[in-house]
Amino acid sequence: MSVTLHTTHGDLKVEVFCEAVPKAAENFLALCASGYYDDCIFHRNIKGFMIQTGDPAGTGKGGQSIWGKPFDDENTFYPQGTQIKCAPPTRKVTMTMAVRPQFNARGVVAMANSGPNTNKSQFFVTYAKQPHLDGKYTIFGKVIDGADSTLDLMERVPVNNKNRPLAEIKLTQVTIHANPIADAQLVSR
């Protein structure tokens, strides 16, 4: 499952981890499909750390989940022997060791929050490894195209003393390449 975030600085193609974090994936994909993120600005940009968006008001204090209230974290820990689906190609994989999604690379995509179990619509993309964030935020995807080009351009935008970009960076629209959650709902009708 993937989406492309079309921004004023280029495209970011994101693989969404639908099986690993179903609530976060459902929320993100439904907000994408509804146009909720269209024209959202990236209101926080910290070089070497991350860039954040998802608040239609652009203040960094707003946004709402599809349920109208915050939802719980999915800081998933996969014990050894757990089976998860991977795509593409769709297949089941049995974990040979315990795995927790980690902030171990540039381009990790996660829900922003104001504390435990306060996820709504805001999300961020990392510019580098951030191991101090492991277990504190729900990781729901990773950038699979645009990490070297688009993220580089975004990271270079100057900011003010509150890490707000001085030149607007905007998420103009989202293309959903496949939506297994919507497809499953259609099949069940």
N, C-alpha and C. Protein backbone atom coordinates (compact mmCIF):
# COMPACT_ATOMS: atom_id res chain seq x y z
N MET A 1 0.83 -1.17 0.00
CA MET A 1 0.00 0.00 0.00
C MET A 1 0.88 1.23 0.00
N SER A 2 0.61 2.15 -0.89
CA SER A 2 1.40 3.37 -0.91
C SER A 2 0.55 4.57 -1.32
N VAL A 3 1.05 5.74 -0.94
CA VAL A 3 0.45 7.00 -1.33
C VAL A 3 1.58 7.91 -1.79
N THR A 4 1.24 8.90 -2.59
CA THR A 4 2.21 9.93 -2.93
C THR A 4 1.72 11.24 -2.36
N LEU A 5 2.57 11.86 -1.56
CA LEU A 5 2.30 13.18 -1.01
C LEU A 5 2.90 14.18 -2.01
N HIS A 6 2.04 14.93 -2.68
CA HIS A 6 2.50 15.93 -3.64
C HIS A 6 2.70 17.23 -2.87
N THR A 7 3.91 17.73 -2.88
CA THR A 7 4.22 18.95 -2.14
C THR A 7 4.75 20.02 -3.09
N THR A 8 4.84 21.23 -2.59
CA THR A 8 5.40 22.33 -3.38
C THR A 8 6.89 22.13 -3.64
N HIS A 9 7.51 21.17 -2.97
CA HIS A 9 8.94 20.91 -3.13
C HIS A 9 9.23 19.56 -3.79
N GLY A 10 8.19 18.91 -4.30
CA GLY A 10 8.35 17.61 -4.96
C GLY A 10 7.48 16.56 -4.31
N ASP A 11 7.59 15.34 -4.79
CA ASP A 11 6.75 14.24 -4.32
C ASP A 11 7.48 13.36 -3.32
N LEU A 12 6.70 12.84 -2.38
CA LEU A 12 7.17 11.83 -1.43
C LEU A 12 6.24 10.63 -1.56
N LYS A 13 6.77 9.51 -2.02
CA LYS A 13 5.98 8.28 -2.08
C LYS A 13 6.19 7.55 -0.77
N VAL A 14 5.08 7.20 -0.11
CA VAL A 14 5.12 6.61 1.22
C VAL A 14 4.47 5.24 1.21
N GLU A 15 5.19 4.24 1.71
CA GLU A 15 4.61 2.93 1.95
C GLU A 15 3.89 3.00 3.30
N VAL A 16 2.61 2.60 3.33
CA VAL A 16 1.81 2.64 4.56
C VAL A 16 1.73 1.23 5.13
N PHE A 17 2.01 1.11 6.43
CA PHE A 17 2.03 -0.20 7.10
C PHE A 17 0.64 -0.57 7.62
N CYS A 18 -0.25 -0.95 6.71
CA CYS A 18 -1.66 -1.21 7.05
C CYS A 18 -1.84 -2.36 8.03
N GLU A 19 -1.08 -3.42 7.88
CA GLU A 19 -1.23 -4.58 8.75
C GLU A 19 -0.65 -4.34 10.13
N ALA A 20 0.48 -3.65 10.20
CA ALA A 20 1.16 -3.45 11.47
C ALA A 20 0.45 -2.46 12.38
N VAL A 21 -0.12 -1.41 11.81
CA VAL A 21 -0.78 -0.35 12.60
C VAL A 21 -2.13 0.00 11.96
N PRO A 22 -3.11 -0.88 12.10
CA PRO A 22 -4.38 -0.71 11.36
C PRO A 22 -5.14 0.57 11.69
N LYS A 23 -5.16 1.01 12.93
CA LYS A 23 -5.89 2.24 13.27
C LYS A 23 -5.23 3.46 12.66
N ALA A 24 -3.93 3.57 12.82
CA ALA A 24 -3.21 4.71 12.25
C ALA A 24 -3.32 4.72 10.73
N ALA A 25 -3.20 3.54 10.11
CA ALA A 25 -3.31 3.45 8.66
C ALA A 25 -4.71 3.83 8.19
N GLU A 26 -5.74 3.33 8.87
CA GLU A 26 -7.12 3.66 8.49
C GLU A 26 -7.36 5.16 8.60
N ASN A 27 -6.93 5.75 9.69
CA ASN A 27 -7.09 7.19 9.90
C ASN A 27 -6.38 7.98 8.81
N PHE A 28 -5.10 7.67 8.57
CA PHE A 28 -4.31 8.38 7.58
C PHE A 28 -4.92 8.24 6.18
N LEU A 29 -5.25 7.02 5.78
CA LEU A 29 -5.79 6.80 4.44
C LEU A 29 -7.15 7.45 4.25
N ALA A 30 -8.01 7.41 5.27
CA ALA A 30 -9.32 8.05 5.16
C ALA A 30 -9.17 9.57 5.06
N LEU A 31 -8.25 10.14 5.83
CA LEU A 31 -8.01 11.58 5.73
C LEU A 31 -7.44 11.94 4.36
N CYS A 32 -6.54 11.10 3.84
CA CYS A 32 -6.01 11.32 2.48
C CYS A 32 -7.14 11.27 1.46
N ALA A 33 -7.98 10.24 1.54
CA ALA A 33 -9.06 10.04 0.56
C ALA A 33 -10.09 11.17 0.59
N SER A 34 -10.29 11.77 1.76
CA SER A 34 -11.29 12.83 1.89
C SER A 34 -10.76 14.19 1.46
N GLY A 35 -9.47 14.30 1.17
CA GLY A 35 -8.88 15.58 0.81
C GLY A 35 -8.51 16.42 2.02
N TYR A 36 -8.59 15.84 3.19
CA TYR A 36 -8.31 16.56 4.44
C TYR A 36 -6.93 17.21 4.45
N TYR A 37 -5.94 16.51 3.89
CA TYR A 37 -4.56 17.01 3.91
C TYR A 37 -4.25 17.97 2.75
N ASP A 38 -5.17 18.09 1.79
CA ASP A 38 -4.92 18.98 0.64
C ASP A 38 -4.70 20.41 1.12
N ASP A 39 -3.61 20.99 0.68
CA ASP A 39 -3.23 22.37 0.99
C ASP A 39 -2.81 22.61 2.44
N CYS A 40 -2.50 21.54 3.17
CA CYS A 40 -1.94 21.70 4.52
C CYS A 40 -0.49 22.17 4.39
N ILE A 41 -0.10 23.11 5.23
CA ILE A 41 1.30 23.53 5.23
C ILE A 41 2.10 22.64 6.17
N PHE A 42 3.38 22.56 5.92
CA PHE A 42 4.30 21.93 6.86
C PHE A 42 4.67 23.05 7.83
N HIS A 43 4.14 22.97 9.04
CA HIS A 43 4.25 24.06 10.00
C HIS A 43 5.47 23.97 10.90
N ARG A 44 6.16 22.85 10.89
CA ARG A 44 7.33 22.64 11.75
C ARG A 44 8.41 21.93 10.94
N ASN A 45 9.62 22.50 10.95
CA ASN A 45 10.70 21.95 10.13
C ASN A 45 12.01 22.11 10.91
N ILE A 46 12.55 20.99 11.38
CA ILE A 46 13.77 21.03 12.18
C ILE A 46 14.86 20.23 11.46
N LYS A 47 15.86 20.96 10.94
CA LYS A 47 16.95 20.33 10.19
C LYS A 47 17.60 19.22 11.01
N GLY A 48 17.82 18.07 10.35
CA GLY A 48 18.44 16.93 11.02
C GLY A 48 17.49 16.15 11.90
N PHE A 49 16.24 16.61 12.01
CA PHE A 49 15.27 15.93 12.89
C PHE A 49 14.03 15.51 12.11
N MET A 50 13.13 16.46 11.80
CA MET A 50 11.89 16.07 11.12
C MET A 50 11.16 17.28 10.57
N ILE A 51 10.12 16.99 9.75
CA ILE A 51 9.19 17.99 9.23
C ILE A 51 7.78 17.49 9.51
N GLN A 52 6.87 18.41 9.92
CA GLN A 52 5.55 18.02 10.40
C GLN A 52 4.43 18.77 9.67
N THR A 53 3.31 18.08 9.44
CA THR A 53 2.12 18.64 8.80
C THR A 53 0.89 17.92 9.33
N GLY A 54 -0.27 18.23 8.74
CA GLY A 54 -1.50 17.52 9.09
C GLY A 54 -2.51 18.34 9.87
N ASP A 55 -2.23 19.62 10.08
CA ASP A 55 -3.16 20.52 10.75
C ASP A 55 -3.70 21.48 9.69
N PRO A 56 -4.97 21.31 9.27
CA PRO A 56 -5.51 22.19 8.23
C PRO A 56 -5.47 23.67 8.59
N ALA A 57 -5.49 24.00 9.87
CA ALA A 57 -5.43 25.40 10.29
C ALA A 57 -4.01 25.96 10.15
N GLY A 58 -3.02 25.08 10.07
CA GLY A 58 -1.65 25.51 9.90
C GLY A 58 -0.95 26.00 11.15
N THR A 59 -1.59 25.88 12.30
CA THR A 59 -1.01 26.39 13.54
C THR A 59 -0.13 25.36 14.24
N GLY A 60 -0.36 24.08 13.94
CA GLY A 60 0.34 23.02 14.66
C GLY A 60 -0.40 22.61 15.92
N LYS A 61 -1.54 23.22 16.17
CA LYS A 61 -2.31 22.90 17.37
C LYS A 61 -3.65 22.23 17.05
N GLY A 62 -3.97 22.10 15.76
CA GLY A 62 -5.27 21.58 15.38
C GLY A 62 -5.19 20.23 14.70
N GLY A 63 -6.31 19.86 14.12
CA GLY A 63 -6.43 18.59 13.43
C GLY A 63 -7.30 17.63 14.20
N GLN A 64 -7.89 16.69 13.48
CA GLN A 64 -8.80 15.74 14.10
C GLN A 64 -8.69 14.39 13.40
N SER A 65 -8.92 13.34 14.15
CA SER A 65 -8.93 12.00 13.57
C SER A 65 -10.29 11.77 12.89
N ILE A 66 -10.41 10.67 12.17
CA ILE A 66 -11.68 10.35 11.51
C ILE A 66 -12.76 9.98 12.52
N TRP A 67 -12.37 9.70 13.75
CA TRP A 67 -13.33 9.34 14.79
C TRP A 67 -13.76 10.54 15.62
N GLY A 68 -13.20 11.71 15.32
CA GLY A 68 -13.57 12.92 16.05
C GLY A 68 -12.95 13.05 17.42
N LYS A 69 -12.03 12.17 17.73
CA LYS A 69 -11.35 12.20 19.02
C LYS A 69 -9.98 11.54 18.85
N PRO A 70 -9.06 11.76 19.79
CA PRO A 70 -7.75 11.11 19.69
C PRO A 70 -7.88 9.59 19.75
N PHE A 71 -6.91 8.92 19.13
CA PHE A 71 -6.90 7.46 19.19
C PHE A 71 -5.58 6.97 19.78
N ASP A 72 -5.62 5.73 20.25
CA ASP A 72 -4.48 5.16 20.98
C ASP A 72 -3.26 4.91 20.10
N ASP A 73 -2.11 4.94 20.74
CA ASP A 73 -0.85 4.61 20.09
C ASP A 73 -0.86 3.15 19.66
N GLU A 74 -0.12 2.86 18.63
CA GLU A 74 0.11 1.49 18.17
C GLU A 74 1.61 1.29 18.08
N ASN A 75 2.26 1.35 19.21
CA ASN A 75 3.71 1.15 19.27
C ASN A 75 3.96 -0.35 19.27
N THR A 76 3.69 -0.92 18.13
CA THR A 76 3.65 -2.36 17.95
C THR A 76 4.97 -3.05 18.26
N PHE A 77 4.86 -4.13 18.98
CA PHE A 77 6.00 -5.00 19.26
C PHE A 77 5.60 -6.38 18.75
N TYR A 78 6.38 -6.92 17.83
CA TYR A 78 6.08 -8.22 17.26
C TYR A 78 6.93 -9.29 17.93
N PRO A 79 6.33 -10.12 18.78
CA PRO A 79 7.11 -11.20 19.40
C PRO A 79 7.56 -12.20 18.34
N GLN A 80 8.61 -12.91 18.66
CA GLN A 80 9.11 -13.95 17.76
C GLN A 80 7.98 -14.92 17.45
N GLY A 81 7.85 -15.30 16.18
CA GLY A 81 6.82 -16.24 15.76
C GLY A 81 5.56 -15.57 15.24
N THR A 82 5.42 -14.24 15.42
CA THR A 82 4.26 -13.51 14.93
C THR A 82 4.25 -13.53 13.41
N GLN A 83 3.06 -13.73 12.81
CA GLN A 83 2.93 -13.66 11.36
C GLN A 83 2.35 -12.31 10.98
N ILE A 84 2.98 -11.63 10.02
CA ILE A 84 2.45 -10.37 9.50
C ILE A 84 2.44 -10.45 7.99
N LYS A 85 1.54 -9.67 7.36
CA LYS A 85 1.49 -9.61 5.91
C LYS A 85 2.43 -8.53 5.43
N CYS A 86 3.06 -8.78 4.31
CA CYS A 86 3.94 -7.81 3.69
C CYS A 86 3.45 -7.58 2.27
N ALA A 87 3.62 -6.36 1.78
CA ALA A 87 3.21 -6.06 0.42
C ALA A 87 4.16 -5.04 -0.17
N PRO A 88 4.35 -4.99 -1.50
CA PRO A 88 4.12 -6.11 -2.39
C PRO A 88 5.30 -7.07 -2.37
N PRO A 89 5.25 -8.24 -2.81
CA PRO A 89 4.01 -8.96 -3.08
C PRO A 89 3.35 -9.38 -1.77
N THR A 90 2.05 -9.56 -1.80
CA THR A 90 1.34 -9.94 -0.58
C THR A 90 1.73 -11.36 -0.19
N ARG A 91 2.25 -11.46 1.01
CA ARG A 91 2.66 -12.76 1.54
C ARG A 91 2.76 -12.63 3.05
N LYS A 92 2.70 -13.74 3.75
CA LYS A 92 2.86 -13.72 5.20
C LYS A 92 4.29 -14.03 5.54
N VAL A 93 4.78 -13.32 6.55
CA VAL A 93 6.15 -13.52 7.01
C VAL A 93 6.08 -13.86 8.49
N THR A 94 6.79 -14.88 8.91
CA THR A 94 6.88 -15.22 10.33
C THR A 94 8.13 -14.56 10.89
N MET A 95 7.95 -13.79 11.97
CA MET A 95 9.07 -13.10 12.57
C MET A 95 10.02 -14.11 13.21
N THR A 96 11.29 -14.03 12.86
CA THR A 96 12.28 -14.93 13.43
C THR A 96 12.91 -14.33 14.69
N MET A 97 12.59 -13.06 14.95
CA MET A 97 13.03 -12.42 16.19
C MET A 97 12.03 -11.33 16.52
N ALA A 98 12.04 -10.84 17.73
CA ALA A 98 11.12 -9.77 18.13
C ALA A 98 11.50 -8.48 17.41
N VAL A 99 10.49 -7.77 16.90
CA VAL A 99 10.73 -6.54 16.14
C VAL A 99 9.73 -5.47 16.57
N ARG A 100 10.22 -4.27 16.78
CA ARG A 100 9.39 -3.09 17.01
C ARG A 100 9.79 -2.09 15.93
N PRO A 101 8.82 -1.52 15.21
CA PRO A 101 9.20 -0.50 14.22
C PRO A 101 10.04 0.58 14.90
N GLN A 102 11.08 1.02 14.22
CA GLN A 102 12.03 1.95 14.82
C GLN A 102 12.29 3.15 13.94
N PHE A 103 12.71 4.22 14.56
CA PHE A 103 13.14 5.42 13.87
C PHE A 103 14.62 5.25 13.51
N ASN A 104 14.87 4.31 12.59
CA ASN A 104 16.24 3.91 12.30
C ASN A 104 16.75 4.38 10.94
N ALA A 105 16.03 5.32 10.31
CA ALA A 105 16.44 5.77 8.98
C ALA A 105 15.79 7.12 8.65
N ARG A 106 16.30 7.74 7.64
CA ARG A 106 15.68 8.93 7.06
C ARG A 106 14.36 8.50 6.41
N GLY A 107 13.31 9.30 6.54
CA GLY A 107 12.05 9.01 5.86
C GLY A 107 11.06 8.16 6.62
N VAL A 108 11.24 7.98 7.92
CA VAL A 108 10.24 7.27 8.72
C VAL A 108 9.05 8.22 8.92
N VAL A 109 7.83 7.70 8.74
CA VAL A 109 6.61 8.51 8.85
C VAL A 109 5.83 8.04 10.07
N ALA A 110 5.47 9.00 10.95
CA ALA A 110 4.81 8.64 12.21
C ALA A 110 3.76 9.69 12.58
N MET A 111 2.84 9.25 13.42
CA MET A 111 1.84 10.16 13.97
C MET A 111 2.51 11.12 14.94
N ALA A 112 2.16 12.39 14.86
CA ALA A 112 2.58 13.37 15.87
C ALA A 112 1.56 13.30 16.99
N ASN A 113 1.98 13.60 18.20
CA ASN A 113 1.04 13.56 19.32
C ASN A 113 1.48 14.54 20.39
N SER A 114 0.62 14.70 21.39
CA SER A 114 0.93 15.59 22.52
C SER A 114 1.09 14.78 23.80
N GLY A 115 1.37 13.51 23.65
CA GLY A 115 1.52 12.60 24.77
C GLY A 115 0.94 11.25 24.40
N PRO A 116 1.01 10.28 25.30
CA PRO A 116 0.49 8.94 24.98
C PRO A 116 -1.00 8.97 24.58
N ASN A 117 -1.32 8.23 23.53
CA ASN A 117 -2.70 8.00 23.09
C ASN A 117 -3.44 9.28 22.71
N THR A 118 -2.73 10.21 22.04
CA THR A 118 -3.34 11.48 21.62
C THR A 118 -3.20 11.70 20.11
N ASN A 119 -3.21 10.64 19.33
CA ASN A 119 -3.07 10.75 17.88
C ASN A 119 -4.33 11.33 17.27
N LYS A 120 -4.16 12.22 16.30
CA LYS A 120 -5.29 12.81 15.57
C LYS A 120 -4.98 12.77 14.07
N SER A 121 -4.59 13.91 13.49
CA SER A 121 -4.31 13.95 12.06
C SER A 121 -2.87 14.34 11.73
N GLN A 122 -2.17 14.96 12.66
CA GLN A 122 -0.82 15.42 12.36
C GLN A 122 0.17 14.26 12.29
N PHE A 123 1.13 14.41 11.38
CA PHE A 123 2.18 13.41 11.24
C PHE A 123 3.49 14.09 10.88
N PHE A 124 4.57 13.34 11.01
CA PHE A 124 5.89 13.88 10.68
C PHE A 124 6.72 12.85 9.93
N VAL A 125 7.75 13.37 9.25
CA VAL A 125 8.69 12.56 8.48
C VAL A 125 10.08 12.91 8.99
N THR A 126 10.86 11.88 9.33
CA THR A 126 12.20 12.13 9.88
C THR A 126 13.21 12.44 8.78
N TYR A 127 14.18 13.27 9.16
CA TYR A 127 15.30 13.59 8.28
C TYR A 127 16.50 12.67 8.54
N ALA A 128 16.49 11.97 9.65
CA ALA A 128 17.61 11.10 10.03
C ALA A 128 17.13 10.10 11.07
N LYS A 129 18.01 9.18 11.46
CA LYS A 129 17.68 8.25 12.55
C LYS A 129 17.34 9.06 13.80
N GLN A 130 16.33 8.60 14.54
CA GLN A 130 15.91 9.27 15.79
C GLN A 130 15.59 8.21 16.84
N PRO A 131 16.58 7.45 17.29
CA PRO A 131 16.30 6.33 18.20
C PRO A 131 15.64 6.75 19.53
N HIS A 132 15.82 8.00 19.94
CA HIS A 132 15.19 8.46 21.18
C HIS A 132 13.66 8.52 21.08
N LEU A 133 13.12 8.43 19.85
CA LEU A 133 11.66 8.45 19.65
C LEU A 133 11.05 7.05 19.66
N ASP A 134 11.87 6.01 19.60
CA ASP A 134 11.36 4.64 19.55
C ASP A 134 10.40 4.36 20.70
N GLY A 135 9.22 3.81 20.37
CA GLY A 135 8.22 3.45 21.37
C GLY A 135 7.36 4.60 21.85
N LYS A 136 7.61 5.82 21.37
CA LYS A 136 6.85 6.99 21.82
C LYS A 136 5.85 7.50 20.80
N TYR A 137 6.04 7.11 19.54
CA TYR A 137 5.17 7.57 18.46
C TYR A 137 4.81 6.39 17.58
N THR A 138 3.61 6.41 17.01
CA THR A 138 3.16 5.34 16.13
C THR A 138 3.74 5.54 14.75
N ILE A 139 4.64 4.65 14.37
CA ILE A 139 5.22 4.66 13.03
C ILE A 139 4.23 3.96 12.10
N PHE A 140 3.80 4.66 11.04
CA PHE A 140 2.83 4.04 10.13
C PHE A 140 3.31 3.96 8.70
N GLY A 141 4.53 4.38 8.43
CA GLY A 141 5.01 4.28 7.06
C GLY A 141 6.45 4.69 6.92
N LYS A 142 6.91 4.62 5.66
CA LYS A 142 8.27 5.07 5.35
C LYS A 142 8.28 5.61 3.93
N VAL A 143 9.13 6.60 3.71
CA VAL A 143 9.30 7.18 2.38
C VAL A 143 10.07 6.19 1.53
N ILE A 144 9.49 5.81 0.38
CA ILE A 144 10.16 4.86 -0.51
C ILE A 144 10.65 5.54 -1.79
N ASP A 145 10.25 6.79 -2.00
CA ASP A 145 10.77 7.58 -3.12
C ASP A 145 10.65 9.05 -2.75
N GLY A 146 11.74 9.79 -2.95
CA GLY A 146 11.76 11.21 -2.64
C GLY A 146 12.56 11.56 -1.40
N ALA A 147 13.12 10.56 -0.73
CA ALA A 147 13.88 10.82 0.50
C ALA A 147 15.14 11.61 0.21
N ASP A 148 15.76 11.39 -0.94
CA ASP A 148 17.00 12.09 -1.25
C ASP A 148 16.76 13.41 -1.97
N SER A 149 15.67 13.53 -2.70
CA SER A 149 15.42 14.75 -3.46
C SER A 149 14.47 15.70 -2.73
N THR A 150 13.24 15.30 -2.55
CA THR A 150 12.23 16.17 -1.94
C THR A 150 12.55 16.49 -0.49
N LEU A 151 12.89 15.47 0.29
CA LEU A 151 13.23 15.75 1.70
C LEU A 151 14.44 16.66 1.81
N ASP A 152 15.42 16.50 0.91
CA ASP A 152 16.58 17.40 0.92
C ASP A 152 16.16 18.85 0.72
N LEU A 153 15.29 19.08 -0.26
CA LEU A 153 14.82 20.45 -0.52
C LEU A 153 14.05 21.01 0.68
N MET A 154 13.21 20.20 1.28
CA MET A 154 12.43 20.65 2.44
C MET A 154 13.35 20.99 3.62
N GLU A 155 14.33 20.13 3.84
CA GLU A 155 15.22 20.31 4.99
C GLU A 155 16.03 21.60 4.88
N ARG A 156 16.29 22.04 3.65
CA ARG A 156 17.09 23.24 3.43
C ARG A 156 16.31 24.55 3.59
N VAL A 157 14.99 24.49 3.72
CA VAL A 157 14.19 25.72 3.84
C VAL A 157 14.50 26.39 5.19
N PRO A 158 14.88 27.67 5.16
CA PRO A 158 15.15 28.39 6.41
C PRO A 158 13.89 28.49 7.28
N VAL A 159 14.10 28.53 8.59
CA VAL A 159 12.99 28.59 9.55
C VAL A 159 13.21 29.75 10.53
N ASN A 160 12.14 30.13 11.24
CA ASN A 160 12.26 31.14 12.28
C ASN A 160 12.67 30.48 13.60
N ASN A 161 12.67 31.24 14.67
CA ASN A 161 13.11 30.70 15.96
C ASN A 161 12.14 29.69 16.57
N LYS A 162 10.96 29.52 15.94
CA LYS A 162 10.00 28.51 16.38
C LYS A 162 9.94 27.35 15.40
N ASN A 163 10.94 27.23 14.53
CA ASN A 163 11.05 26.15 13.54
C ASN A 163 9.95 26.16 12.49
N ARG A 164 9.35 27.32 12.28
CA ARG A 164 8.33 27.49 11.25
C ARG A 164 9.04 27.91 9.96
N PRO A 165 8.79 27.22 8.84
CA PRO A 165 9.46 27.59 7.59
C PRO A 165 9.18 29.05 7.20
N LEU A 166 10.23 29.75 6.76
CA LEU A 166 10.08 31.14 6.31
C LEU A 166 9.47 31.20 4.91
N ALA A 167 9.70 30.16 4.11
CA ALA A 167 9.06 30.02 2.81
C ALA A 167 8.09 28.84 2.91
N GLU A 168 6.87 29.03 2.45
CA GLU A 168 5.83 28.01 2.61
C GLU A 168 6.19 26.69 1.94
N ILE A 169 6.01 25.62 2.69
CA ILE A 169 6.10 24.26 2.18
C ILE A 169 4.69 23.69 2.34
N LYS A 170 4.09 23.25 1.27
CA LYS A 170 2.69 22.83 1.32
C LYS A 170 2.50 21.43 0.77
N LEU A 171 1.63 20.67 1.42
CA LEU A 171 1.16 19.38 0.91
C LEU A 171 -0.04 19.71 0.04
N THR A 172 0.13 19.70 -1.28
CA THR A 172 -0.93 20.17 -2.16
C THR A 172 -2.05 19.15 -2.35
N GLN A 173 -1.69 17.87 -2.44
CA GLN A 173 -2.69 16.81 -2.55
C GLN A 173 -2.03 15.47 -2.35
N VAL A 174 -2.86 14.43 -2.21
CA VAL A 174 -2.36 13.07 -1.99
C VAL A 174 -2.97 12.15 -3.04
N THR A 175 -2.14 11.31 -3.64
CA THR A 175 -2.60 10.26 -4.54
C THR A 175 -2.51 8.95 -3.80
N ILE A 176 -3.62 8.23 -3.73
CA ILE A 176 -3.65 6.91 -3.10
C ILE A 176 -3.50 5.89 -4.22
N HIS A 177 -2.46 5.08 -4.15
CA HIS A 177 -2.20 4.12 -5.23
C HIS A 177 -3.02 2.85 -5.08
N ALA A 178 -3.34 2.47 -3.87
CA ALA A 178 -4.21 1.34 -3.58
C ALA A 178 -4.65 1.52 -2.15
N ASN A 179 -5.91 1.25 -1.87
CA ASN A 179 -6.42 1.43 -0.51
C ASN A 179 -7.06 0.13 -0.06
N PRO A 180 -6.29 -0.75 0.58
CA PRO A 180 -6.83 -2.05 0.97
C PRO A 180 -7.94 -1.96 2.01
N ILE A 181 -7.96 -0.89 2.78
CA ILE A 181 -9.02 -0.73 3.77
C ILE A 181 -10.34 -0.46 3.08
N ALA A 182 -10.35 0.46 2.13
CA ALA A 182 -11.57 0.76 1.36
C ALA A 182 -11.98 -0.45 0.53
N ASP A 183 -10.99 -1.12 -0.09
CA ASP A 183 -11.29 -2.31 -0.89
C ASP A 183 -11.95 -3.40 -0.04
N ALA A 184 -11.48 -3.61 1.17
CA ALA A 184 -12.04 -4.62 2.08
C ALA A 184 -13.47 -4.25 2.46
N GLN A 185 -13.74 -2.97 2.66
CA GLN A 185 -15.09 -2.54 3.02
C GLN A 185 -16.05 -2.76 1.87
N LEU A 186 -15.59 -2.53 0.62
CA LEU A 186 -16.44 -2.76 -0.55
C LEU A 186 -16.77 -4.25 -0.69
N VAL A 187 -15.78 -5.10 -0.47
CA VAL A 187 -15.98 -6.56 -0.61
C VAL A 187 -16.96 -7.06 0.43
N SER A 188 -16.94 -6.48 1.64
CA SER A 188 -17.81 -6.98 2.72
C SER A 188 -19.26 -6.53 2.56
N ARG A 189 -19.56 -5.64 1.63
CA ARG A 189 -20.95 -5.16 1.44
C ARG A 189 -21.79 -6.11 0.66
